[in-house]
Amino acid sequence: MRTIEDTLGLWVSGLLTTGQVSDWAGSEIARLDQPPPELIDLVMDGPEACLKRAQADFPPRATRLPYVDEFALRAIALDLAADDAVQSFADWASRRCLGGDLKEPLVLFGYQLDHLLCDCQDTDGAAALIRDELPPLLDRCRQMAERYA
């Protein structure tokens, strides 16, 4: 079950639109007997306005998604045929992986992209790596993304 904080984190990361946040909050309101007022605020005002409020007025804050979770979500949404989307994914993964545990395959993948983009200035190589090596990782990514469904 996704939390308000995770939903806001997805929105801040650009993985959900304002409309999707409002729709999710509306669904939660309909599902719960006693919905928290923050859900009503999200439906009425949207995430941008809510997060601009003082934390005393709107306590939930956006969770910063762990790299591997955000990688999984971005990977399953990625259109591998779209050059701009692949380049954007490569740029994001190469920056966001830094400092991660190299024992984690998704972090290592990001470091490989960082090497190609930053050290080698090889954007075509980074795109080829994504198109070749990402598809076998997608089943794992889908499993990881279930938490945010």
C-alpha atoms as a PDB file:
ATOM      1  CA  MET A   1       0.000   0.000   0.000  1.00  0.00           C
ATOM      2  CA  ARG A   2       1.457   3.330  -1.069  1.00  0.00           C
ATOM      3  CA  THR A   3       1.678   6.076   1.547  1.00  0.00           C
ATOM      4  CA  ILE A   4       1.010   9.789   1.139  1.00  0.00           C
ATOM      5  CA  GLU A   5       4.746  10.397   1.547  1.00  0.00           C
ATOM      6  CA  ASP A   6       5.613   7.888  -1.196  1.00  0.00           C
ATOM      7  CA  THR A   7       2.980   9.381  -3.484  1.00  0.00           C
ATOM      8  CA  LEU A   8       4.448  12.828  -2.948  1.00  0.00           C
ATOM      9  CA  GLY A   9       7.916  11.388  -3.584  1.00  0.00           C
ATOM     10  CA  LEU A  10       6.735   9.954  -6.892  1.00  0.00           C
ATOM     11  CA  TRP A  11       5.290  13.349  -7.799  1.00  0.00           C
ATOM     12  CA  VAL A  12       8.475  15.220  -6.837  1.00  0.00           C
ATOM     13  CA  SER A  13      10.480  12.742  -8.930  1.00  0.00           C
ATOM     14  CA  GLY A  14       8.251  13.423 -11.927  1.00  0.00           C
ATOM     15  CA  LEU A  15       6.884   9.883 -11.927  1.00  0.00           C
ATOM     16  CA  LEU A  16       3.315  11.000 -11.213  1.00  0.00           C
ATOM     17  CA  THR A  17       1.405  13.975 -12.544  1.00  0.00           C
ATOM     18  CA  THR A  18      -0.594  16.317 -10.339  1.00  0.00           C
ATOM     19  CA  GLY A  19      -3.757  14.728 -11.712  1.00  0.00           C
ATOM     20  CA  GLN A  20      -2.530  11.248 -10.828  1.00  0.00           C
ATOM     21  CA  VAL A  21      -1.806  12.362  -7.259  1.00  0.00           C
ATOM     22  CA  SER A  22      -5.294  13.855  -6.966  1.00  0.00           C
ATOM     23  CA  ASP A  23      -6.865  10.719  -8.451  1.00  0.00           C
ATOM     24  CA  TRP A  24      -4.920   8.509  -6.018  1.00  0.00           C
ATOM     25  CA  ALA A  25      -5.947  10.671  -3.070  1.00  0.00           C
ATOM     26  CA  GLY A  26      -9.580  10.534  -4.205  1.00  0.00           C
ATOM     27  CA  SER A  27      -9.412   6.748  -4.431  1.00  0.00           C
ATOM     28  CA  GLU A  28      -7.943   6.562  -0.942  1.00  0.00           C
ATOM     29  CA  ILE A  29     -10.689   8.821   0.420  1.00  0.00           C
ATOM     30  CA  ALA A  30     -13.330   6.541  -1.103  1.00  0.00           C
ATOM     31  CA  ARG A  31     -11.604   3.430   0.296  1.00  0.00           C
ATOM     32  CA  LEU A  32     -11.128   4.635   3.877  1.00  0.00           C
ATOM     33  CA  ASP A  33     -13.808   5.094   6.531  1.00  0.00           C
ATOM     34  CA  GLN A  34     -11.899   7.926   8.219  1.00  0.00           C
ATOM     35  CA  PRO A  35      -9.531   9.453   5.624  1.00  0.00           C
ATOM     36  CA  PRO A  36      -6.860  11.773   6.974  1.00  0.00           C
ATOM     37  CA  PRO A  37      -7.393  15.453   6.155  1.00  0.00           C
ATOM     38  CA  GLU A  38      -4.177  15.461   4.109  1.00  0.00           C
ATOM     39  CA  LEU A  39      -5.874  13.327   1.458  1.00  0.00           C
ATOM     40  CA  ILE A  40      -8.679  15.852   1.181  1.00  0.00           C
ATOM     41  CA  ASP A  41      -6.099  18.632   0.912  1.00  0.00           C
ATOM     42  CA  LEU A  42      -4.364  16.792  -1.930  1.00  0.00           C
ATOM     43  CA  VAL A  43      -7.617  16.450  -3.857  1.00  0.00           C
ATOM     44  CA  MET A  44      -8.685  20.039  -3.241  1.00  0.00           C
ATOM     45  CA  ASP A  45      -5.354  21.854  -3.614  1.00  0.00           C
ATOM     46  CA  GLY A  46      -2.921  19.463  -5.326  1.00  0.00           C
ATOM     47  CA  PRO A  47       0.553  18.392  -4.236  1.00  0.00           C
ATOM     48  CA  GLU A  48       2.379  21.586  -5.165  1.00  0.00           C
ATOM     49  CA  ALA A  49       0.223  23.803  -2.955  1.00  0.00           C
ATOM     50  CA  CYS A  50       0.229  21.268  -0.130  1.00  0.00           C
ATOM     51  CA  LEU A  51       4.011  20.936  -0.071  1.00  0.00           C
ATOM     52  CA  LYS A  52       4.415  24.718  -0.008  1.00  0.00           C
ATOM     53  CA  ARG A  53       2.546  24.843   3.287  1.00  0.00           C
ATOM     54  CA  ALA A  54       4.359  24.750   6.599  1.00  0.00           C
ATOM     55  CA  GLN A  55       4.815  21.232   7.867  1.00  0.00           C
ATOM     56  CA  ALA A  56       2.567  22.077  10.825  1.00  0.00           C
ATOM     57  CA  ASP A  57      -0.264  22.719   8.344  1.00  0.00           C
ATOM     58  CA  PHE A  58       0.485  19.783   6.050  1.00  0.00           C
ATOM     59  CA  PRO A  59       2.686  17.243   7.885  1.00  0.00           C
ATOM     60  CA  PRO A  60       3.413  14.703   5.121  1.00  0.00           C
ATOM     61  CA  ARG A  61       6.628  15.376   3.209  1.00  0.00           C
ATOM     62  CA  ALA A  62       7.793  13.713   0.039  1.00  0.00           C
ATOM     63  CA  THR A  63       9.875  10.614   0.569  1.00  0.00           C
ATOM     64  CA  ARG A  64      13.109  10.611  -1.380  1.00  0.00           C
ATOM     65  CA  LEU A  65      12.834   7.344  -3.207  1.00  0.00           C
ATOM     66  CA  PRO A  66      15.820   5.028  -2.887  1.00  0.00           C
ATOM     67  CA  TYR A  67      17.849   4.899  -6.086  1.00  0.00           C
ATOM     68  CA  VAL A  68      16.969   1.268  -6.802  1.00  0.00           C
ATOM     69  CA  ASP A  69      13.243   1.902  -6.379  1.00  0.00           C
ATOM     70  CA  GLU A  70      13.269   4.981  -8.576  1.00  0.00           C
ATOM     71  CA  PHE A  71      15.442   3.139 -11.115  1.00  0.00           C
ATOM     72  CA  ALA A  72      12.860   0.340 -11.230  1.00  0.00           C
ATOM     73  CA  LEU A  73       9.962   2.740 -11.694  1.00  0.00           C
ATOM     74  CA  ARG A  74      11.746   4.732 -14.383  1.00  0.00           C
ATOM     75  CA  ALA A  75      12.939   1.571 -16.151  1.00  0.00           C
ATOM     76  CA  ILE A  76       9.492   0.022 -16.500  1.00  0.00           C
ATOM     77  CA  ALA A  77       8.099   3.302 -17.845  1.00  0.00           C
ATOM     78  CA  LEU A  78      10.962   3.805 -20.307  1.00  0.00           C
ATOM     79  CA  ASP A  79      10.228   3.633 -24.024  1.00  0.00           C
ATOM     80  CA  LEU A  80      13.405   2.024 -25.341  1.00  0.00           C
ATOM     81  CA  ALA A  81      12.551   3.146 -28.886  1.00  0.00           C
ATOM     82  CA  ALA A  82      12.531   6.832 -27.910  1.00  0.00           C
ATOM     83  CA  ASP A  83      16.058   8.244 -28.166  1.00  0.00           C
ATOM     84  CA  ASP A  84      15.313  11.287 -25.968  1.00  0.00           C
ATOM     85  CA  ALA A  85      13.765   9.124 -23.247  1.00  0.00           C
ATOM     86  CA  VAL A  86      16.719   6.724 -23.281  1.00  0.00           C
ATOM     87  CA  GLN A  87      19.163   9.637 -23.060  1.00  0.00           C
ATOM     88  CA  SER A  88      17.197  11.189 -20.207  1.00  0.00           C
ATOM     89  CA  PHE A  89      17.194   7.864 -18.349  1.00  0.00           C
ATOM     90  CA  ALA A  90      20.952   7.497 -18.886  1.00  0.00           C
ATOM     91  CA  ASP A  91      21.609  11.015 -17.582  1.00  0.00           C
ATOM     92  CA  TRP A  92      19.394  10.465 -14.545  1.00  0.00           C
ATOM     93  CA  ALA A  93      20.827   7.031 -13.645  1.00  0.00           C
ATOM     94  CA  SER A  94      24.444   8.140 -14.124  1.00  0.00           C
ATOM     95  CA  ARG A  95      23.997  11.041 -11.683  1.00  0.00           C
ATOM     96  CA  ARG A  96      21.684   9.485  -9.123  1.00  0.00           C
ATOM     97  CA  CYS A  97      23.668   6.231  -8.648  1.00  0.00           C
ATOM     98  CA  LEU A  98      26.722   8.000  -7.258  1.00  0.00           C
ATOM     99  CA  GLY A  99      27.549   6.892  -3.739  1.00  0.00           C
ATOM    100  CA  GLY A 100      25.427   3.746  -4.021  1.00  0.00           C
ATOM    101  CA  ASP A 101      26.490   0.235  -3.094  1.00  0.00           C
ATOM    102  CA  LEU A 102      28.336  -1.321  -6.025  1.00  0.00           C
ATOM    103  CA  LYS A 103      27.168  -4.767  -4.932  1.00  0.00           C
ATOM    104  CA  GLU A 104      23.687  -3.756  -6.108  1.00  0.00           C
ATOM    105  CA  PRO A 105      23.381  -4.519  -9.862  1.00  0.00           C
ATOM    106  CA  LEU A 106      21.183  -1.475 -10.544  1.00  0.00           C
ATOM    107  CA  VAL A 107      23.744   0.815  -8.924  1.00  0.00           C
ATOM    108  CA  LEU A 108      26.519  -0.819 -10.919  1.00  0.00           C
ATOM    109  CA  PHE A 109      24.452  -0.280 -14.071  1.00  0.00           C
ATOM    110  CA  GLY A 110      24.260   3.437 -13.223  1.00  0.00           C
ATOM    111  CA  TYR A 111      28.021   3.568 -12.711  1.00  0.00           C
ATOM    112  CA  GLN A 112      28.542   1.948 -16.105  1.00  0.00           C
ATOM    113  CA  LEU A 113      26.383   4.667 -17.621  1.00  0.00           C
ATOM    114  CA  ASP A 114      28.345   7.303 -15.713  1.00  0.00           C
ATOM    115  CA  HIS A 115      31.588   5.928 -17.128  1.00  0.00           C
ATOM    116  CA  LEU A 116      30.251   5.977 -20.683  1.00  0.00           C
ATOM    117  CA  LEU A 117      28.716   9.459 -20.410  1.00  0.00           C
ATOM    118  CA  CYS A 118      31.245  11.283 -18.257  1.00  0.00           C
ATOM    119  CA  ASP A 119      34.555   9.536 -18.827  1.00  0.00           C
ATOM    120  CA  CYS A 120      34.106   8.454 -22.436  1.00  0.00           C
ATOM    121  CA  GLN A 121      31.604  11.083 -23.664  1.00  0.00           C
ATOM    122  CA  ASP A 122      29.879   8.173 -25.423  1.00  0.00           C
ATOM    123  CA  THR A 123      26.136   8.876 -25.476  1.00  0.00           C
ATOM    124  CA  ASP A 124      25.584   6.274 -28.194  1.00  0.00           C
ATOM    125  CA  GLY A 125      27.356   3.667 -26.071  1.00  0.00           C
ATOM    126  CA  ALA A 126      25.197   4.566 -23.071  1.00  0.00           C
ATOM    127  CA  ALA A 127      22.040   4.202 -25.181  1.00  0.00           C
ATOM    128  CA  ALA A 128      23.246   0.861 -26.520  1.00  0.00           C
ATOM    129  CA  LEU A 129      23.992  -0.354 -22.987  1.00  0.00           C
ATOM    130  CA  ILE A 130      20.474   0.557 -21.884  1.00  0.00           C
ATOM    131  CA  ARG A 131      18.832  -1.085 -24.866  1.00  0.00           C
ATOM    132  CA  ASP A 132      20.933  -4.249 -24.509  1.00  0.00           C
ATOM    133  CA  GLU A 133      21.146  -4.708 -20.743  1.00  0.00           C
ATOM    134  CA  LEU A 134      17.971  -3.176 -19.345  1.00  0.00           C
ATOM    135  CA  PRO A 135      15.367  -5.601 -20.786  1.00  0.00           C
ATOM    136  CA  PRO A 136      16.626  -8.596 -18.739  1.00  0.00           C
ATOM    137  CA  LEU A 137      16.363  -6.458 -15.577  1.00  0.00           C
ATOM    138  CA  LEU A 138      12.742  -5.433 -16.163  1.00  0.00           C
ATOM    139  CA  ASP A 139      11.136  -8.397 -14.380  1.00  0.00           C
ATOM    140  CA  ARG A 140      13.023  -7.494 -11.211  1.00  0.00           C
ATOM    141  CA  CYS A 141      12.123  -3.840 -11.740  1.00  0.00           C
ATOM    142  CA  ARG A 142       8.429  -4.706 -12.029  1.00  0.00           C
ATOM    143  CA  GLN A 143       8.581  -6.660  -8.774  1.00  0.00           C
ATOM    144  CA  MET A 144      10.281  -3.757  -7.016  1.00  0.00           C
ATOM    145  CA  ALA A 145       7.757  -1.278  -8.403  1.00  0.00           C
ATOM    146  CA  GLU A 146       4.783  -3.200  -6.993  1.00  0.00           C
ATOM    147  CA  ARG A 147       5.301  -1.409  -3.678  1.00  0.00           C
ATOM    148  CA  TYR A 148       4.338   1.866  -5.358  1.00  0.00           C
ATOM    149  CA  ALA A 149       1.289   0.596  -7.245  1.00  0.00           C
END
